Amino acid sequence: MKLSYTALKTFQQCNFRYHLRYNRGLPSRPRPAAQSSRALHGALHLFHQGLQQRLVQDTALFPPAANALDTLLAHLKGYYDNPLRPLTDEQYQEGRALLMRYWEAHRGQFPTPYLLEEKFTLHVGPFVLTGRIDRVDDTPDGFEIIDYKLAQRSILPPDPLQLDVYQLGFHARTGEAAKKLSFYYLRTGQTETVEADEPAAAQSRVRALCRDINQEQEFRPQEGAWCTSCDFREFCPAQSRTPRPIPAKSRATQLGFDF
């Protein structure tokens, strides 16, 4: 069974929500911000990919315009013009403003990425943990994982679980260990950086969480701030006096493997 950081976090917050989403396969509601996030991530990926190619290949083929603001904005325009999943005018204008802020914050000077949009897969007990890392920079202090965030910066510190998953993903792909993880908040231009733990310690914590998922049988609801945005409140006995019956069809079942 495949798991992601989002699935692990869902289980940490509420076993019942995890059960409906990942065991029963109930779909979540579309999020309007998802299309903007996809376009911004894609534009930044193409932009940094151009910088990367300029250095590893003949620089004559990739002129200085590769790091120009117009180049970055042109990549976003490609998503706006996409007839299959176009951005709205509002999303496009906001995206332009955010990318202009991103470019100006770096003043046109960008690090050469070590990895871009790198997918990873690793086995944890009976589970397959998958994900994607936005960017990794090779800095004088060591490897730094960069994660773009469209959401507003939280007053809470970065989630340790996300740090662990990204560290394990990077280690699985390269055999190396990252020294830092930085969240770049596109709406504010702020960066929040934390030190990364060693892969062995990260693996121990993620493995323990996967063991809990594997052994869980009751999947009781756990109330918290996440309830307000939950897609399954109508089924939840903690949120509804007369919850709807859970659909019988199951996409996946709990596995009974030993760790």
C-alpha atoms as a PDB file:
ATOM      1  CA  MET A   1       0.000   0.000   0.000  1.00  0.00           C
ATOM      2  CA  LYS A   2       1.336   3.424  -0.956  1.00  0.00           C
ATOM      3  CA  LEU A   3       1.581   6.230   1.576  1.00  0.00           C
ATOM      4  CA  SER A   4       2.639   9.848   1.328  1.00  0.00           C
ATOM      5  CA  TYR A   5       3.506  12.532   3.827  1.00  0.00           C
ATOM      6  CA  THR A   6      -0.097  13.738   3.583  1.00  0.00           C
ATOM      7  CA  ALA A   7      -1.404  10.264   4.440  1.00  0.00           C
ATOM      8  CA  LEU A   8       0.932   9.952   7.424  1.00  0.00           C
ATOM      9  CA  LYS A   9      -0.066  13.394   8.684  1.00  0.00           C
ATOM     10  CA  THR A  10      -3.743  12.565   8.277  1.00  0.00           C
ATOM     11  CA  PHE A  11      -3.318   9.461  10.443  1.00  0.00           C
ATOM     12  CA  GLN A  12      -1.456  11.476  13.088  1.00  0.00           C
ATOM     13  CA  GLN A  13      -4.322  13.936  13.270  1.00  0.00           C
ATOM     14  CA  CYS A  14      -7.341  11.635  12.968  1.00  0.00           C
ATOM     15  CA  ASN A  15      -7.451   7.871  12.523  1.00  0.00           C
ATOM     16  CA  PHE A  16     -11.056   8.038  11.301  1.00  0.00           C
ATOM     17  CA  ARG A  17     -10.293  10.564   8.571  1.00  0.00           C
ATOM     18  CA  TYR A  18      -7.328   8.463   7.448  1.00  0.00           C
ATOM     19  CA  HIS A  19      -9.512   5.355   7.311  1.00  0.00           C
ATOM     20  CA  LEU A  20     -12.152   6.984   5.097  1.00  0.00           C
ATOM     21  CA  ARG A  21      -9.646   8.602   2.753  1.00  0.00           C
ATOM     22  CA  TYR A  22      -7.046   5.866   2.365  1.00  0.00           C
ATOM     23  CA  ASN A  23      -8.688   2.577   3.368  1.00  0.00           C
ATOM     24  CA  ARG A  24     -12.191   3.222   2.064  1.00  0.00           C
ATOM     25  CA  GLY A  25     -10.993   5.433  -0.779  1.00  0.00           C
ATOM     26  CA  LEU A  26     -13.515   8.255  -0.313  1.00  0.00           C
ATOM     27  CA  PRO A  27     -12.504  11.196  -2.499  1.00  0.00           C
ATOM     28  CA  SER A  28     -11.589  14.572  -1.054  1.00  0.00           C
ATOM     29  CA  ARG A  29     -13.095  17.808  -2.342  1.00  0.00           C
ATOM     30  CA  PRO A  30     -11.177  19.736  -5.016  1.00  0.00           C
ATOM     31  CA  ARG A  31      -9.183  22.635  -3.591  1.00  0.00           C
ATOM     32  CA  PRO A  32      -9.264  25.868  -5.654  1.00  0.00           C
ATOM     33  CA  ALA A  33      -5.684  26.671  -4.653  1.00  0.00           C
ATOM     34  CA  ALA A  34      -4.408  23.373  -6.055  1.00  0.00           C
ATOM     35  CA  GLN A  35      -4.398  24.644  -9.646  1.00  0.00           C
ATOM     36  CA  SER A  36      -2.458  27.785  -8.687  1.00  0.00           C
ATOM     37  CA  SER A  37       0.010  25.728  -6.682  1.00  0.00           C
ATOM     38  CA  ARG A  38       0.564  23.333  -9.598  1.00  0.00           C
ATOM     39  CA  ALA A  39       1.204  26.215 -12.014  1.00  0.00           C
ATOM     40  CA  LEU A  40       3.602  28.046  -9.689  1.00  0.00           C
ATOM     41  CA  HIS A  41       5.548  24.895  -8.902  1.00  0.00           C
ATOM     42  CA  GLY A  42       5.722  24.095 -12.613  1.00  0.00           C
ATOM     43  CA  ALA A  43       6.912  27.580 -13.571  1.00  0.00           C
ATOM     44  CA  LEU A  44       9.633  27.535 -10.916  1.00  0.00           C
ATOM     45  CA  HIS A  45      10.714  24.059 -11.977  1.00  0.00           C
ATOM     46  CA  LEU A  46      11.076  25.078 -15.635  1.00  0.00           C
ATOM     47  CA  PHE A  47      12.888  28.276 -14.673  1.00  0.00           C
ATOM     48  CA  HIS A  48      15.464  26.566 -12.462  1.00  0.00           C
ATOM     49  CA  GLN A  49      15.810  23.756 -14.979  1.00  0.00           C
ATOM     50  CA  GLY A  50      16.870  26.345 -17.543  1.00  0.00           C
ATOM     51  CA  LEU A  51      19.508  27.684 -15.156  1.00  0.00           C
ATOM     52  CA  GLN A  52      20.734  24.169 -14.494  1.00  0.00           C
ATOM     53  CA  GLN A  53      21.038  23.349 -18.197  1.00  0.00           C
ATOM     54  CA  ARG A  54      22.848  26.605 -18.857  1.00  0.00           C
ATOM     55  CA  LEU A  55      25.665  25.569 -16.523  1.00  0.00           C
ATOM     56  CA  VAL A  56      26.015  21.908 -17.450  1.00  0.00           C
ATOM     57  CA  GLN A  57      25.839  22.475 -21.198  1.00  0.00           C
ATOM     58  CA  ASP A  58      27.294  24.984 -23.610  1.00  0.00           C
ATOM     59  CA  THR A  59      26.427  28.412 -22.167  1.00  0.00           C
ATOM     60  CA  ALA A  60      26.123  29.774 -25.702  1.00  0.00           C
ATOM     61  CA  LEU A  61      22.971  27.701 -26.071  1.00  0.00           C
ATOM     62  CA  PHE A  62      21.478  29.235 -22.941  1.00  0.00           C
ATOM     63  CA  PRO A  63      22.002  33.017 -22.948  1.00  0.00           C
ATOM     64  CA  PRO A  64      21.760  35.235 -19.832  1.00  0.00           C
ATOM     65  CA  ALA A  65      18.039  35.643 -20.536  1.00  0.00           C
ATOM     66  CA  ALA A  66      17.613  32.224 -18.898  1.00  0.00           C
ATOM     67  CA  ASN A  67      17.562  33.926 -15.500  1.00  0.00           C
ATOM     68  CA  ALA A  68      15.459  36.901 -16.638  1.00  0.00           C
ATOM     69  CA  LEU A  69      12.150  37.745 -15.019  1.00  0.00           C
ATOM     70  CA  ASP A  70      10.424  37.572 -18.410  1.00  0.00           C
ATOM     71  CA  THR A  71      11.524  33.957 -18.729  1.00  0.00           C
ATOM     72  CA  LEU A  72      10.032  33.047 -15.360  1.00  0.00           C
ATOM     73  CA  LEU A  73       6.741  34.794 -16.157  1.00  0.00           C
ATOM     74  CA  ALA A  74       6.596  33.169 -19.595  1.00  0.00           C
ATOM     75  CA  HIS A  75       6.604  29.746 -17.933  1.00  0.00           C
ATOM     76  CA  LEU A  76       3.562  30.746 -15.868  1.00  0.00           C
ATOM     77  CA  LYS A  77       1.855  32.085 -19.001  1.00  0.00           C
ATOM     78  CA  GLY A  78       2.146  28.612 -20.476  1.00  0.00           C
ATOM     79  CA  TYR A  79      -0.062  27.285 -17.666  1.00  0.00           C
ATOM     80  CA  TYR A  80      -2.516  30.152 -18.125  1.00  0.00           C
ATOM     81  CA  ASP A  81      -2.851  29.309 -21.826  1.00  0.00           C
ATOM     82  CA  ASN A  82      -3.249  25.564 -21.230  1.00  0.00           C
ATOM     83  CA  PRO A  83      -6.701  24.689 -22.647  1.00  0.00           C
ATOM     84  CA  LEU A  84      -6.997  21.531 -20.555  1.00  0.00           C
ATOM     85  CA  ARG A  85      -6.456  23.057 -17.113  1.00  0.00           C
ATOM     86  CA  PRO A  86      -6.216  26.826 -17.555  1.00  0.00           C
ATOM     87  CA  LEU A  87      -5.768  29.270 -14.710  1.00  0.00           C
ATOM     88  CA  THR A  88      -8.436  31.883 -14.061  1.00  0.00           C
ATOM     89  CA  ASP A  89      -7.524  35.524 -14.675  1.00  0.00           C
ATOM     90  CA  GLU A  90      -7.368  36.074 -10.922  1.00  0.00           C
ATOM     91  CA  GLN A  91      -5.074  33.092 -10.389  1.00  0.00           C
ATOM     92  CA  TYR A  92      -2.823  34.207 -13.232  1.00  0.00           C
ATOM     93  CA  GLN A  93      -2.473  37.782 -11.987  1.00  0.00           C
ATOM     94  CA  GLU A  94      -1.760  36.617  -8.441  1.00  0.00           C
ATOM     95  CA  GLY A  95       0.765  34.107  -9.767  1.00  0.00           C
ATOM     96  CA  ARG A  96       2.568  36.835 -11.709  1.00  0.00           C
ATOM     97  CA  ALA A  97       2.783  38.992  -8.587  1.00  0.00           C
ATOM     98  CA  LEU A  98       4.161  36.117  -6.509  1.00  0.00           C
ATOM     99  CA  LEU A  99       6.778  35.162  -9.081  1.00  0.00           C
ATOM    100  CA  MET A 100       7.866  38.788  -9.488  1.00  0.00           C
ATOM    101  CA  ARG A 101       8.378  38.937  -5.728  1.00  0.00           C
ATOM    102  CA  TYR A 102      10.330  35.666  -5.855  1.00  0.00           C
ATOM    103  CA  TRP A 103      12.619  36.977  -8.619  1.00  0.00           C
ATOM    104  CA  GLU A 104      13.163  40.341  -6.916  1.00  0.00           C
ATOM    105  CA  ALA A 105      13.935  38.661  -3.579  1.00  0.00           C
ATOM    106  CA  HIS A 106      16.840  36.881  -5.266  1.00  0.00           C
ATOM    107  CA  ARG A 107      17.757  39.977  -7.328  1.00  0.00           C
ATOM    108  CA  GLY A 108      18.263  37.764 -10.336  1.00  0.00           C
ATOM    109  CA  GLN A 109      20.932  35.676  -8.566  1.00  0.00           C
ATOM    110  CA  PHE A 110      19.824  32.082  -8.154  1.00  0.00           C
ATOM    111  CA  PRO A 111      21.653  29.023  -6.815  1.00  0.00           C
ATOM    112  CA  THR A 112      22.254  26.106  -9.145  1.00  0.00           C
ATOM    113  CA  PRO A 113      19.944  23.283  -8.051  1.00  0.00           C
ATOM    114  CA  TYR A 114      21.334  19.849  -7.324  1.00  0.00           C
ATOM    115  CA  LEU A 115      17.914  18.212  -7.861  1.00  0.00           C
ATOM    116  CA  LEU A 116      14.602  19.473  -9.244  1.00  0.00           C
ATOM    117  CA  GLU A 117      11.125  17.988  -8.801  1.00  0.00           C
ATOM    118  CA  GLU A 118      12.686  14.731  -7.700  1.00  0.00           C
ATOM    119  CA  LYS A 119      10.323  11.815  -7.056  1.00  0.00           C
ATOM    120  CA  PHE A 120      11.243   9.272  -4.410  1.00  0.00           C
ATOM    121  CA  THR A 121      10.035   5.840  -3.343  1.00  0.00           C
ATOM    122  CA  LEU A 122      11.114   3.836  -0.315  1.00  0.00           C
ATOM    123  CA  HIS A 123       9.801   0.816   1.551  1.00  0.00           C
ATOM    124  CA  VAL A 124       8.817   1.087   5.206  1.00  0.00           C
ATOM    125  CA  GLY A 125       7.555  -2.277   6.452  1.00  0.00           C
ATOM    126  CA  PRO A 126       4.597  -3.261   4.243  1.00  0.00           C
ATOM    127  CA  PHE A 127       4.154   0.288   2.981  1.00  0.00           C
ATOM    128  CA  VAL A 128       5.680   2.160   0.052  1.00  0.00           C
ATOM    129  CA  LEU A 129       6.364   5.780   0.948  1.00  0.00           C
ATOM    130  CA  THR A 130       6.292   8.095  -2.061  1.00  0.00           C
ATOM    131  CA  GLY A 131       6.699  11.803  -2.611  1.00  0.00           C
ATOM    132  CA  ARG A 132       8.334  14.579  -4.552  1.00  0.00           C
ATOM    133  CA  ILE A 133      10.948  17.132  -3.496  1.00  0.00           C
ATOM    134  CA  ASP A 134      10.650  20.579  -5.100  1.00  0.00           C
ATOM    135  CA  ARG A 135      14.350  21.437  -5.123  1.00  0.00           C
ATOM    136  CA  VAL A 136      17.680  20.584  -3.491  1.00  0.00           C
ATOM    137  CA  ASP A 137      20.588  23.052  -3.487  1.00  0.00           C
ATOM    138  CA  ASP A 138      24.209  22.081  -2.936  1.00  0.00           C
ATOM    139  CA  THR A 139      25.390  24.842  -0.599  1.00  0.00           C
ATOM    140  CA  PRO A 140      28.773  25.367   1.145  1.00  0.00           C
ATOM    141  CA  ASP A 141      27.096  24.091   4.349  1.00  0.00           C
ATOM    142  CA  GLY A 142      25.713  20.962   2.712  1.00  0.00           C
ATOM    143  CA  PHE A 143      22.566  19.927   0.880  1.00  0.00           C
ATOM    144  CA  GLU A 144      19.489  22.068   1.497  1.00  0.00           C
ATOM    145  CA  ILE A 145      15.983  20.858   0.602  1.00  0.00           C
ATOM    146  CA  ILE A 146      13.679  23.640  -0.639  1.00  0.00           C
ATOM    147  CA  ASP A 147       9.910  23.304  -0.388  1.00  0.00           C
ATOM    148  CA  TYR A 148       7.677  25.961  -1.959  1.00  0.00           C
ATOM    149  CA  LYS A 149       4.587  26.886   0.046  1.00  0.00           C
ATOM    150  CA  LEU A 150       1.575  28.745  -1.337  1.00  0.00           C
ATOM    151  CA  ALA A 151      -0.173  28.772   2.042  1.00  0.00           C
ATOM    152  CA  GLN A 152       0.434  31.555   4.529  1.00  0.00           C
ATOM    153  CA  ARG A 153       3.289  31.042   6.954  1.00  0.00           C
ATOM    154  CA  SER A 154       2.085  29.327  10.101  1.00  0.00           C
ATOM    155  CA  ILE A 155       2.848  30.531  13.606  1.00  0.00           C
ATOM    156  CA  LEU A 156       3.725  26.919  14.365  1.00  0.00           C
ATOM    157  CA  PRO A 157       7.191  25.548  13.573  1.00  0.00           C
ATOM    158  CA  PRO A 158       7.619  23.284  10.514  1.00  0.00           C
ATOM    159  CA  ASP A 159       6.151  19.825  10.912  1.00  0.00           C
ATOM    160  CA  PRO A 160       8.886  17.409  12.084  1.00  0.00           C
ATOM    161  CA  LEU A 161       7.167  14.604  10.166  1.00  0.00           C
ATOM    162  CA  GLN A 162       7.595  16.456   6.873  1.00  0.00           C
ATOM    163  CA  LEU A 163      11.256  17.000   7.674  1.00  0.00           C
ATOM    164  CA  ASP A 164      11.672  13.276   8.298  1.00  0.00           C
ATOM    165  CA  VAL A 165       9.891  12.216   5.094  1.00  0.00           C
ATOM    166  CA  TYR A 166      11.909  14.590   2.905  1.00  0.00           C
ATOM    167  CA  GLN A 167      15.175  13.558   4.530  1.00  0.00           C
ATOM    168  CA  LEU A 168      14.379   9.893   3.902  1.00  0.00           C
ATOM    169  CA  GLY A 169      13.296  10.626   0.335  1.00  0.00           C
ATOM    170  CA  PHE A 170      16.491  12.519  -0.430  1.00  0.00           C
ATOM    171  CA  HIS A 171      18.623   9.800   1.164  1.00  0.00           C
ATOM    172  CA  ALA A 172      16.792   7.106  -0.812  1.00  0.00           C
ATOM    173  CA  ARG A 173      17.481   8.891  -4.117  1.00  0.00           C
ATOM    174  CA  THR A 174      21.092   9.928  -3.521  1.00  0.00           C
ATOM    175  CA  GLY A 175      22.543   8.111  -0.524  1.00  0.00           C
ATOM    176  CA  GLU A 176      23.293  11.555   0.920  1.00  0.00           C
ATOM    177  CA  ALA A 177      21.883  13.375   3.943  1.00  0.00           C
ATOM    178  CA  ALA A 178      20.490  16.895   3.807  1.00  0.00           C
ATOM    179  CA  LYS A 179      21.709  19.414   6.371  1.00  0.00           C
ATOM    180  CA  LYS A 180      18.771  21.802   6.161  1.00  0.00           C
ATOM    181  CA  LEU A 181      15.187  22.045   5.026  1.00  0.00           C
ATOM    182  CA  SER A 182      13.817  25.427   3.993  1.00  0.00           C
ATOM    183  CA  PHE A 183      10.187  26.353   3.413  1.00  0.00           C
ATOM    184  CA  TYR A 184       9.838  29.230   0.952  1.00  0.00           C
ATOM    185  CA  TYR A 185       6.488  31.026   1.367  1.00  0.00           C
ATOM    186  CA  LEU A 186       5.571  32.424  -2.033  1.00  0.00           C
ATOM    187  CA  ARG A 187       2.882  34.795  -0.740  1.00  0.00           C
ATOM    188  CA  THR A 188       5.248  36.628   1.610  1.00  0.00           C
ATOM    189  CA  GLY A 189       8.705  35.930   0.204  1.00  0.00           C
ATOM    190  CA  GLN A 190       9.787  34.588   3.600  1.00  0.00           C
ATOM    191  CA  THR A 191      12.028  31.595   4.147  1.00  0.00           C
ATOM    192  CA  GLU A 192      11.978  29.381   7.232  1.00  0.00           C
ATOM    193  CA  THR A 193      14.978  27.086   7.648  1.00  0.00           C
ATOM    194  CA  VAL A 194      15.461  24.239  10.123  1.00  0.00           C
ATOM    195  CA  GLU A 195      18.260  21.767  10.668  1.00  0.00           C
ATOM    196  CA  ALA A 196      17.574  18.272   9.334  1.00  0.00           C
ATOM    197  CA  ASP A 197      18.023  15.192  11.515  1.00  0.00           C
ATOM    198  CA  GLU A 198      20.107  12.197  10.515  1.00  0.00           C
ATOM    199  CA  PRO A 199      18.392   9.667   8.193  1.00  0.00           C
ATOM    200  CA  ALA A 200      18.577   6.884  10.800  1.00  0.00           C
ATOM    201  CA  ALA A 201      16.659   8.937  13.365  1.00  0.00           C
ATOM    202  CA  ALA A 202      14.109  10.038  10.753  1.00  0.00           C
ATOM    203  CA  GLN A 203      13.637   6.430   9.644  1.00  0.00           C
ATOM    204  CA  SER A 204      13.014   5.292  13.212  1.00  0.00           C
ATOM    205  CA  ARG A 205      10.215   7.826  13.714  1.00  0.00           C
ATOM    206  CA  VAL A 206       8.553   7.202  10.350  1.00  0.00           C
ATOM    207  CA  ARG A 207       8.790   3.452  10.843  1.00  0.00           C
ATOM    208  CA  ALA A 208       7.079   3.739  14.249  1.00  0.00           C
ATOM    209  CA  LEU A 209       4.222   5.730  12.703  1.00  0.00           C
ATOM    210  CA  CYS A 210       3.809   3.184   9.908  1.00  0.00           C
ATOM    211  CA  ARG A 211       3.737   0.441  12.532  1.00  0.00           C
ATOM    212  CA  ASP A 212       0.886   2.255  14.284  1.00  0.00           C
ATOM    213  CA  ILE A 213      -1.045   2.488  11.015  1.00  0.00           C
ATOM    214  CA  ASN A 214      -0.490  -1.191  10.305  1.00  0.00           C
ATOM    215  CA  GLN A 215      -1.732  -2.237  13.760  1.00  0.00           C
ATOM    216  CA  GLU A 216      -4.687   0.140  14.049  1.00  0.00           C
ATOM    217  CA  GLN A 217      -8.093  -1.565  13.924  1.00  0.00           C
ATOM    218  CA  GLU A 218     -10.645   0.837  15.414  1.00  0.00           C
ATOM    219  CA  PHE A 219      -9.929   4.112  13.566  1.00  0.00           C
ATOM    220  CA  ARG A 220     -11.708   6.357  16.033  1.00  0.00           C
ATOM    221  CA  PRO A 221     -12.103  10.071  15.302  1.00  0.00           C
ATOM    222  CA  GLN A 222      -9.777  12.537  16.996  1.00  0.00           C
ATOM    223  CA  GLU A 223     -11.131  16.071  17.187  1.00  0.00           C
ATOM    224  CA  GLY A 224      -8.927  19.078  16.526  1.00  0.00           C
ATOM    225  CA  ALA A 225      -8.467  22.201  14.428  1.00  0.00           C
ATOM    226  CA  TRP A 226      -8.394  20.011  11.292  1.00  0.00           C
ATOM    227  CA  CYS A 227     -12.086  19.139  11.739  1.00  0.00           C
ATOM    228  CA  THR A 228     -13.212  22.447  10.218  1.00  0.00           C
ATOM    229  CA  SER A 229     -11.638  21.545   6.857  1.00  0.00           C
ATOM    230  CA  CYS A 230     -12.442  17.833   6.921  1.00  0.00           C
ATOM    231  CA  ASP A 231     -14.244  16.434   3.878  1.00  0.00           C
ATOM    232  CA  PHE A 232     -15.897  13.665   5.872  1.00  0.00           C
ATOM    233  CA  ARG A 233     -17.714  15.441   8.712  1.00  0.00           C
ATOM    234  CA  GLU A 234     -21.067  14.047   7.558  1.00  0.00           C
ATOM    235  CA  PHE A 235     -19.808  10.519   8.335  1.00  0.00           C
ATOM    236  CA  CYS A 236     -18.117  11.381  11.625  1.00  0.00           C
ATOM    237  CA  PRO A 237     -19.776  10.430  14.933  1.00  0.00           C
ATOM    238  CA  ALA A 238     -17.790  13.170  16.687  1.00  0.00           C
ATOM    239  CA  GLN A 239     -19.058  15.881  14.315  1.00  0.00           C
ATOM    240  CA  SER A 240     -22.618  14.784  13.496  1.00  0.00           C
ATOM    241  CA  ARG A 241     -25.456  13.596  15.749  1.00  0.00           C
ATOM    242  CA  THR A 242     -26.726  11.366  12.958  1.00  0.00           C
ATOM    243  CA  PRO A 243     -23.693  10.525  10.799  1.00  0.00           C
ATOM    244  CA  ARG A 244     -24.280   9.093   7.370  1.00  0.00           C
ATOM    245  CA  PRO A 245     -23.406   5.417   6.855  1.00  0.00           C
ATOM    246  CA  ILE A 246     -19.934   4.919   5.466  1.00  0.00           C
ATOM    247  CA  PRO A 247     -20.019   3.567   1.899  1.00  0.00           C
ATOM    248  CA  ALA A 248     -19.349  -0.164   1.939  1.00  0.00           C
ATOM    249  CA  LYS A 249     -17.039  -0.254  -1.053  1.00  0.00           C
ATOM    250  CA  SER A 250     -13.399  -0.371   0.006  1.00  0.00           C
ATOM    251  CA  ARG A 251     -10.461   0.524  -2.207  1.00  0.00           C
ATOM    252  CA  ALA A 252      -7.816  -0.781   0.190  1.00  0.00           C
ATOM    253  CA  THR A 253      -7.642  -2.776   3.394  1.00  0.00           C
ATOM    254  CA  GLN A 254      -5.342  -2.707   6.363  1.00  0.00           C
ATOM    255  CA  LEU A 255      -2.390  -5.020   6.043  1.00  0.00           C
ATOM    256  CA  GLY A 256      -1.408  -7.389   8.820  1.00  0.00           C
ATOM    257  CA  PHE A 257       2.317  -7.622   8.290  1.00  0.00           C
ATOM    258  CA  ASP A 258       4.850  -7.621  11.093  1.00  0.00           C
ATOM    259  CA  PHE A 259       7.529  -4.927  11.164  1.00  0.00           C
END
